[in-house]
Amino acid sequence: MAATGLSADPKEYRTRLDEQEDAQIDLWVAELMRDVAKRRGVLRVVEDLKRATGLSDQEIERVFASGGGPAAVVGRDAHGRLMIPAVALHALVPGLRAKPGDGRVGLIDYLVENFEEIVYV
């Protein structure tokens, strides 16, 4: 199991994720965003990412654009919540990596925060 980063609980999962290479973390985050968006919606992905990284809507927009996401596609739903097209969520991963500080921590926090989602899939 250690080679996949999987485990029985979130604490062990975080420990195993810390041992993984950046490319593997990035791949898992992008895949998880896609899967959660399909099952639970884009709003869930954005809210979970904001909670895991501590970023505001404006910061998420900047991260998205710096990761190669087209700024023109970012919008708001009828309730004013930040929306990003599901097919472009992957741009958040390189955007977090490009952000000053340690983007890896935010990406791992996102994976751990969604441990139950991963176990479900």
N, C-alpha and C. Protein backbone atom coordinates (compact mmCIF):
# COMPACT_ATOMS: atom_id res chain seq x y z
N MET A 1 0.80 -1.20 0.00
CA MET A 1 0.00 0.00 0.00
C MET A 1 0.84 1.27 0.00
N ALA A 2 2.01 1.27 0.60
CA ALA A 2 2.82 2.48 0.72
C ALA A 2 3.15 3.07 -0.65
N ALA A 3 3.32 2.25 -1.64
CA ALA A 3 3.67 2.76 -2.97
C ALA A 3 2.54 3.59 -3.57
N THR A 4 1.31 3.36 -3.16
CA THR A 4 0.19 4.11 -3.71
C THR A 4 -0.18 5.31 -2.86
N GLY A 5 0.34 5.39 -1.65
CA GLY A 5 -0.02 6.50 -0.78
C GLY A 5 -1.31 6.28 -0.04
N LEU A 6 -1.95 5.13 -0.20
CA LEU A 6 -3.23 4.86 0.45
C LEU A 6 -3.03 4.32 1.85
N SER A 7 -4.04 4.47 2.68
CA SER A 7 -3.98 3.95 4.03
C SER A 7 -5.38 3.84 4.61
N ALA A 8 -5.44 3.35 5.83
CA ALA A 8 -6.73 3.11 6.48
C ALA A 8 -7.31 4.35 7.15
N ASP A 9 -6.51 5.36 7.43
CA ASP A 9 -7.02 6.55 8.12
C ASP A 9 -6.30 7.80 7.62
N PRO A 10 -6.90 8.97 7.84
CA PRO A 10 -6.32 10.23 7.33
C PRO A 10 -4.92 10.54 7.87
N LYS A 11 -4.65 10.20 9.11
CA LYS A 11 -3.33 10.50 9.68
C LYS A 11 -2.23 9.71 8.96
N GLU A 12 -2.45 8.42 8.80
CA GLU A 12 -1.49 7.59 8.09
C GLU A 12 -1.40 8.01 6.62
N TYR A 13 -2.55 8.39 6.04
CA TYR A 13 -2.59 8.83 4.66
C TYR A 13 -1.68 10.05 4.46
N ARG A 14 -1.77 11.03 5.36
CA ARG A 14 -0.91 12.22 5.28
C ARG A 14 0.57 11.82 5.34
N THR A 15 0.90 10.92 6.24
CA THR A 15 2.29 10.47 6.36
C THR A 15 2.77 9.85 5.06
N ARG A 16 1.94 9.03 4.46
CA ARG A 16 2.33 8.38 3.20
C ARG A 16 2.37 9.37 2.04
N LEU A 17 1.48 10.34 2.05
CA LEU A 17 1.52 11.36 1.01
C LEU A 17 2.82 12.17 1.09
N ASP A 18 3.28 12.45 2.29
CA ASP A 18 4.52 13.20 2.47
C ASP A 18 5.70 12.50 1.81
N GLU A 19 5.61 11.18 1.65
CA GLU A 19 6.69 10.39 1.05
C GLU A 19 6.63 10.36 -0.49
N GLN A 20 5.54 10.86 -1.06
CA GLN A 20 5.35 10.79 -2.51
C GLN A 20 6.03 11.95 -3.23
N GLU A 21 6.35 11.73 -4.49
CA GLU A 21 6.94 12.77 -5.31
C GLU A 21 5.87 13.79 -5.71
N ASP A 22 6.33 15.01 -6.02
CA ASP A 22 5.40 16.09 -6.39
C ASP A 22 4.50 15.70 -7.56
N ALA A 23 5.08 15.08 -8.57
CA ALA A 23 4.29 14.72 -9.76
C ALA A 23 3.14 13.78 -9.40
N GLN A 24 3.37 12.88 -8.46
CA GLN A 24 2.31 11.95 -8.05
C GLN A 24 1.21 12.70 -7.29
N ILE A 25 1.61 13.58 -6.39
CA ILE A 25 0.64 14.38 -5.64
C ILE A 25 -0.21 15.19 -6.61
N ASP A 26 0.44 15.86 -7.57
CA ASP A 26 -0.28 16.69 -8.54
C ASP A 26 -1.29 15.86 -9.33
N LEU A 27 -0.88 14.69 -9.75
CA LEU A 27 -1.77 13.81 -10.51
C LEU A 27 -2.97 13.40 -9.67
N TRP A 28 -2.73 13.00 -8.43
CA TRP A 28 -3.84 12.59 -7.56
C TRP A 28 -4.80 13.74 -7.28
N VAL A 29 -4.29 14.94 -7.08
CA VAL A 29 -5.17 16.09 -6.82
C VAL A 29 -6.03 16.37 -8.05
N ALA A 30 -5.42 16.41 -9.22
CA ALA A 30 -6.18 16.68 -10.45
C ALA A 30 -7.26 15.62 -10.67
N GLU A 31 -6.92 14.36 -10.44
CA GLU A 31 -7.90 13.28 -10.60
C GLU A 31 -9.02 13.38 -9.57
N LEU A 32 -8.66 13.71 -8.33
CA LEU A 32 -9.67 13.84 -7.29
C LEU A 32 -10.62 14.99 -7.60
N MET A 33 -10.08 16.12 -8.06
CA MET A 33 -10.93 17.25 -8.42
C MET A 33 -11.92 16.84 -9.51
N ARG A 34 -11.43 16.13 -10.51
CA ARG A 34 -12.30 15.68 -11.60
C ARG A 34 -13.40 14.76 -11.06
N ASP A 35 -13.01 13.78 -10.26
CA ASP A 35 -13.97 12.81 -9.74
C ASP A 35 -15.01 13.46 -8.82
N VAL A 36 -14.57 14.33 -7.95
CA VAL A 36 -15.51 15.01 -7.04
C VAL A 36 -16.44 15.92 -7.83
N ALA A 37 -15.90 16.61 -8.82
CA ALA A 37 -16.74 17.49 -9.65
C ALA A 37 -17.83 16.69 -10.35
N LYS A 38 -17.51 15.50 -10.82
CA LYS A 38 -18.50 14.65 -11.49
C LYS A 38 -19.60 14.21 -10.54
N ARG A 39 -19.21 13.81 -9.34
CA ARG A 39 -20.16 13.24 -8.39
C ARG A 39 -20.85 14.28 -7.52
N ARG A 40 -20.11 15.30 -7.10
CA ARG A 40 -20.64 16.23 -6.10
C ARG A 40 -20.72 17.67 -6.60
N GLY A 41 -20.09 17.95 -7.74
CA GLY A 41 -20.17 19.28 -8.33
C GLY A 41 -18.91 20.12 -8.12
N VAL A 42 -18.76 21.08 -9.00
CA VAL A 42 -17.61 21.98 -8.97
C VAL A 42 -17.58 22.81 -7.69
N LEU A 43 -18.75 23.24 -7.23
CA LEU A 43 -18.78 24.05 -6.00
C LEU A 43 -18.11 23.32 -4.85
N ARG A 44 -18.33 22.03 -4.76
CA ARG A 44 -17.72 21.23 -3.69
C ARG A 44 -16.20 21.25 -3.81
N VAL A 45 -15.69 21.11 -5.03
CA VAL A 45 -14.24 21.13 -5.25
C VAL A 45 -13.66 22.48 -4.82
N VAL A 46 -14.28 23.55 -5.26
CA VAL A 46 -13.78 24.89 -4.95
C VAL A 46 -13.82 25.15 -3.45
N GLU A 47 -14.91 24.79 -2.81
CA GLU A 47 -15.03 25.01 -1.36
C GLU A 47 -14.01 24.18 -0.58
N ASP A 48 -13.85 22.92 -0.98
CA ASP A 48 -12.86 22.06 -0.30
C ASP A 48 -11.45 22.60 -0.48
N LEU A 49 -11.14 23.07 -1.67
CA LEU A 49 -9.81 23.62 -1.94
C LEU A 49 -9.58 24.89 -1.13
N LYS A 50 -10.59 25.75 -1.07
CA LYS A 50 -10.46 26.97 -0.27
C LYS A 50 -10.22 26.63 1.20
N ARG A 51 -10.95 25.67 1.71
CA ARG A 51 -10.80 25.28 3.11
C ARG A 51 -9.42 24.67 3.36
N ALA A 52 -8.96 23.81 2.46
CA ALA A 52 -7.68 23.13 2.64
C ALA A 52 -6.49 24.09 2.53
N THR A 53 -6.61 25.08 1.66
CA THR A 53 -5.49 25.99 1.43
C THR A 53 -5.59 27.30 2.20
N GLY A 54 -6.79 27.60 2.69
CA GLY A 54 -6.99 28.88 3.38
C GLY A 54 -7.04 30.06 2.43
N LEU A 55 -7.27 29.80 1.14
CA LEU A 55 -7.30 30.88 0.15
C LEU A 55 -8.70 31.45 0.00
N SER A 56 -8.76 32.72 -0.33
CA SER A 56 -10.03 33.40 -0.60
C SER A 56 -10.45 33.16 -2.05
N ASP A 57 -11.65 33.59 -2.41
CA ASP A 57 -12.11 33.48 -3.79
C ASP A 57 -11.14 34.18 -4.74
N GLN A 58 -10.73 35.40 -4.39
CA GLN A 58 -9.79 36.15 -5.24
C GLN A 58 -8.48 35.41 -5.41
N GLU A 59 -7.98 34.84 -4.35
CA GLU A 59 -6.73 34.09 -4.42
C GLU A 59 -6.89 32.83 -5.28
N ILE A 60 -8.02 32.17 -5.17
CA ILE A 60 -8.28 30.99 -6.00
C ILE A 60 -8.31 31.41 -7.47
N GLU A 61 -8.93 32.54 -7.76
CA GLU A 61 -8.95 33.03 -9.14
C GLU A 61 -7.54 33.27 -9.66
N ARG A 62 -6.68 33.88 -8.85
CA ARG A 62 -5.30 34.13 -9.25
C ARG A 62 -4.53 32.82 -9.43
N VAL A 63 -4.74 31.88 -8.52
CA VAL A 63 -4.08 30.57 -8.62
C VAL A 63 -4.51 29.89 -9.92
N PHE A 64 -5.78 29.93 -10.22
CA PHE A 64 -6.31 29.32 -11.44
C PHE A 64 -5.64 29.92 -12.67
N ALA A 65 -5.59 31.24 -12.74
CA ALA A 65 -4.99 31.92 -13.89
C ALA A 65 -3.49 31.64 -13.98
N SER A 66 -2.80 31.63 -12.85
CA SER A 66 -1.36 31.38 -12.89
C SER A 66 -1.05 29.93 -13.25
N GLY A 67 -2.02 29.04 -13.11
CA GLY A 67 -1.85 27.65 -13.50
C GLY A 67 -2.22 27.38 -14.94
N GLY A 68 -2.54 28.43 -15.67
CA GLY A 68 -2.87 28.28 -17.08
C GLY A 68 -4.35 28.26 -17.38
N GLY A 69 -5.17 28.45 -16.36
CA GLY A 69 -6.61 28.50 -16.58
C GLY A 69 -7.01 29.85 -17.15
N PRO A 70 -7.89 29.86 -18.14
CA PRO A 70 -8.31 31.14 -18.73
C PRO A 70 -9.19 31.93 -17.76
N ALA A 71 -8.72 33.10 -17.37
CA ALA A 71 -9.43 33.92 -16.38
C ALA A 71 -10.86 34.24 -16.81
N ALA A 72 -11.09 34.31 -18.11
CA ALA A 72 -12.42 34.67 -18.62
C ALA A 72 -13.49 33.64 -18.30
N VAL A 73 -13.11 32.41 -17.96
CA VAL A 73 -14.12 31.37 -17.69
C VAL A 73 -14.51 31.31 -16.21
N VAL A 74 -13.82 32.04 -15.36
CA VAL A 74 -14.16 32.05 -13.94
C VAL A 74 -15.39 32.93 -13.77
N GLY A 75 -16.33 32.44 -12.99
CA GLY A 75 -17.55 33.20 -12.79
C GLY A 75 -18.17 32.92 -11.43
N ARG A 76 -19.42 33.29 -11.29
CA ARG A 76 -20.16 33.12 -10.05
C ARG A 76 -21.52 32.49 -10.39
N ASP A 77 -22.02 31.69 -9.46
CA ASP A 77 -23.34 31.12 -9.67
C ASP A 77 -24.38 32.13 -9.18
N ALA A 78 -25.65 31.74 -9.20
CA ALA A 78 -26.74 32.65 -8.82
C ALA A 78 -26.64 33.11 -7.37
N HIS A 79 -25.91 32.37 -6.54
CA HIS A 79 -25.75 32.72 -5.13
C HIS A 79 -24.43 33.44 -4.87
N GLY A 80 -23.70 33.76 -5.93
CA GLY A 80 -22.45 34.49 -5.79
C GLY A 80 -21.24 33.62 -5.46
N ARG A 81 -21.39 32.31 -5.54
CA ARG A 81 -20.27 31.40 -5.24
C ARG A 81 -19.36 31.25 -6.46
N LEU A 82 -18.08 31.19 -6.21
CA LEU A 82 -17.07 31.06 -7.25
C LEU A 82 -17.28 29.78 -8.06
N MET A 83 -17.24 29.90 -9.37
CA MET A 83 -17.41 28.76 -10.27
C MET A 83 -16.26 28.73 -11.27
N ILE A 84 -15.76 27.53 -11.51
CA ILE A 84 -14.73 27.28 -12.51
C ILE A 84 -15.21 26.07 -13.30
N PRO A 85 -15.11 26.09 -14.61
CA PRO A 85 -15.57 24.92 -15.38
C PRO A 85 -14.85 23.64 -14.95
N ALA A 86 -15.59 22.57 -14.85
CA ALA A 86 -15.03 21.30 -14.40
C ALA A 86 -13.84 20.87 -15.26
N VAL A 87 -13.92 21.11 -16.55
CA VAL A 87 -12.84 20.68 -17.45
C VAL A 87 -11.56 21.48 -17.26
N ALA A 88 -11.62 22.56 -16.50
CA ALA A 88 -10.44 23.40 -16.30
C ALA A 88 -9.92 23.37 -14.86
N LEU A 89 -10.55 22.60 -13.99
CA LEU A 89 -10.12 22.56 -12.59
C LEU A 89 -8.66 22.17 -12.43
N HIS A 90 -8.17 21.34 -13.33
CA HIS A 90 -6.78 20.87 -13.25
C HIS A 90 -5.78 22.03 -13.22
N ALA A 91 -6.14 23.19 -13.75
CA ALA A 91 -5.23 24.35 -13.76
C ALA A 91 -4.94 24.85 -12.34
N LEU A 92 -5.76 24.48 -11.40
CA LEU A 92 -5.51 24.88 -10.01
C LEU A 92 -4.26 24.23 -9.44
N VAL A 93 -3.92 23.05 -9.94
CA VAL A 93 -2.75 22.32 -9.41
C VAL A 93 -1.45 23.06 -9.72
N PRO A 94 -1.13 23.34 -11.00
CA PRO A 94 0.10 24.09 -11.24
C PRO A 94 0.03 25.51 -10.68
N GLY A 95 -1.17 26.03 -10.58
CA GLY A 95 -1.33 27.36 -9.99
C GLY A 95 -0.93 27.39 -8.53
N LEU A 96 -1.32 26.35 -7.79
CA LEU A 96 -0.90 26.26 -6.40
C LEU A 96 0.61 26.06 -6.29
N ARG A 97 1.17 25.32 -7.22
CA ARG A 97 2.62 25.11 -7.23
C ARG A 97 3.35 26.43 -7.50
N ALA A 98 2.77 27.29 -8.33
CA ALA A 98 3.40 28.55 -8.70
C ALA A 98 3.26 29.61 -7.62
N LYS A 99 2.33 29.41 -6.71
CA LYS A 99 2.08 30.38 -5.64
C LYS A 99 3.29 30.42 -4.69
N PRO A 100 3.68 31.63 -4.27
CA PRO A 100 4.78 31.71 -3.30
C PRO A 100 4.47 30.88 -2.04
N GLY A 101 5.46 30.28 -1.50
CA GLY A 101 5.27 29.40 -0.35
C GLY A 101 5.30 27.96 -0.80
N ASP A 102 4.75 27.10 0.00
CA ASP A 102 4.78 25.67 -0.31
C ASP A 102 3.42 25.19 -0.79
N GLY A 103 3.23 25.18 -2.11
CA GLY A 103 1.98 24.69 -2.69
C GLY A 103 1.74 23.23 -2.39
N ARG A 104 2.81 22.48 -2.17
CA ARG A 104 2.70 21.06 -1.87
C ARG A 104 1.84 20.84 -0.62
N VAL A 105 2.04 21.67 0.38
CA VAL A 105 1.28 21.53 1.62
C VAL A 105 -0.22 21.67 1.35
N GLY A 106 -0.60 22.67 0.58
CA GLY A 106 -2.01 22.86 0.25
C GLY A 106 -2.60 21.71 -0.54
N LEU A 107 -1.81 21.17 -1.46
CA LEU A 107 -2.27 20.04 -2.25
C LEU A 107 -2.46 18.80 -1.38
N ILE A 108 -1.52 18.56 -0.49
CA ILE A 108 -1.66 17.42 0.42
C ILE A 108 -2.83 17.64 1.37
N ASP A 109 -2.98 18.86 1.87
CA ASP A 109 -4.12 19.15 2.74
C ASP A 109 -5.45 18.89 2.02
N TYR A 110 -5.51 19.24 0.73
CA TYR A 110 -6.72 18.97 -0.05
C TYR A 110 -6.99 17.46 -0.14
N LEU A 111 -5.96 16.69 -0.42
CA LEU A 111 -6.13 15.24 -0.49
C LEU A 111 -6.59 14.66 0.85
N VAL A 112 -5.96 15.09 1.92
CA VAL A 112 -6.31 14.57 3.25
C VAL A 112 -7.72 15.01 3.63
N GLU A 113 -8.06 16.25 3.33
CA GLU A 113 -9.40 16.74 3.64
C GLU A 113 -10.47 15.90 2.93
N ASN A 114 -10.11 15.36 1.79
CA ASN A 114 -11.05 14.57 1.01
C ASN A 114 -10.81 13.07 1.14
N PHE A 115 -10.20 12.67 2.22
CA PHE A 115 -9.90 11.26 2.45
C PHE A 115 -11.14 10.39 2.28
N GLU A 116 -12.25 10.82 2.82
CA GLU A 116 -13.49 10.03 2.72
C GLU A 116 -13.96 9.92 1.27
N GLU A 117 -13.74 10.96 0.49
CA GLU A 117 -14.10 10.91 -0.94
C GLU A 117 -13.24 9.87 -1.65
N ILE A 118 -11.95 9.84 -1.33
CA ILE A 118 -11.04 8.90 -1.96
C ILE A 118 -11.42 7.48 -1.60
N VAL A 119 -11.73 7.25 -0.34
CA VAL A 119 -12.12 5.93 0.11
C VAL A 119 -13.41 5.49 -0.59
N TYR A 120 -14.32 6.45 -0.82
CA TYR A 120 -15.58 6.16 -1.48
C TYR A 120 -15.37 5.69 -2.91
N VAL A 121 -14.48 6.39 -3.63
CA VAL A 121 -14.22 6.06 -5.03
C VAL A 121 -13.59 4.71 -5.08
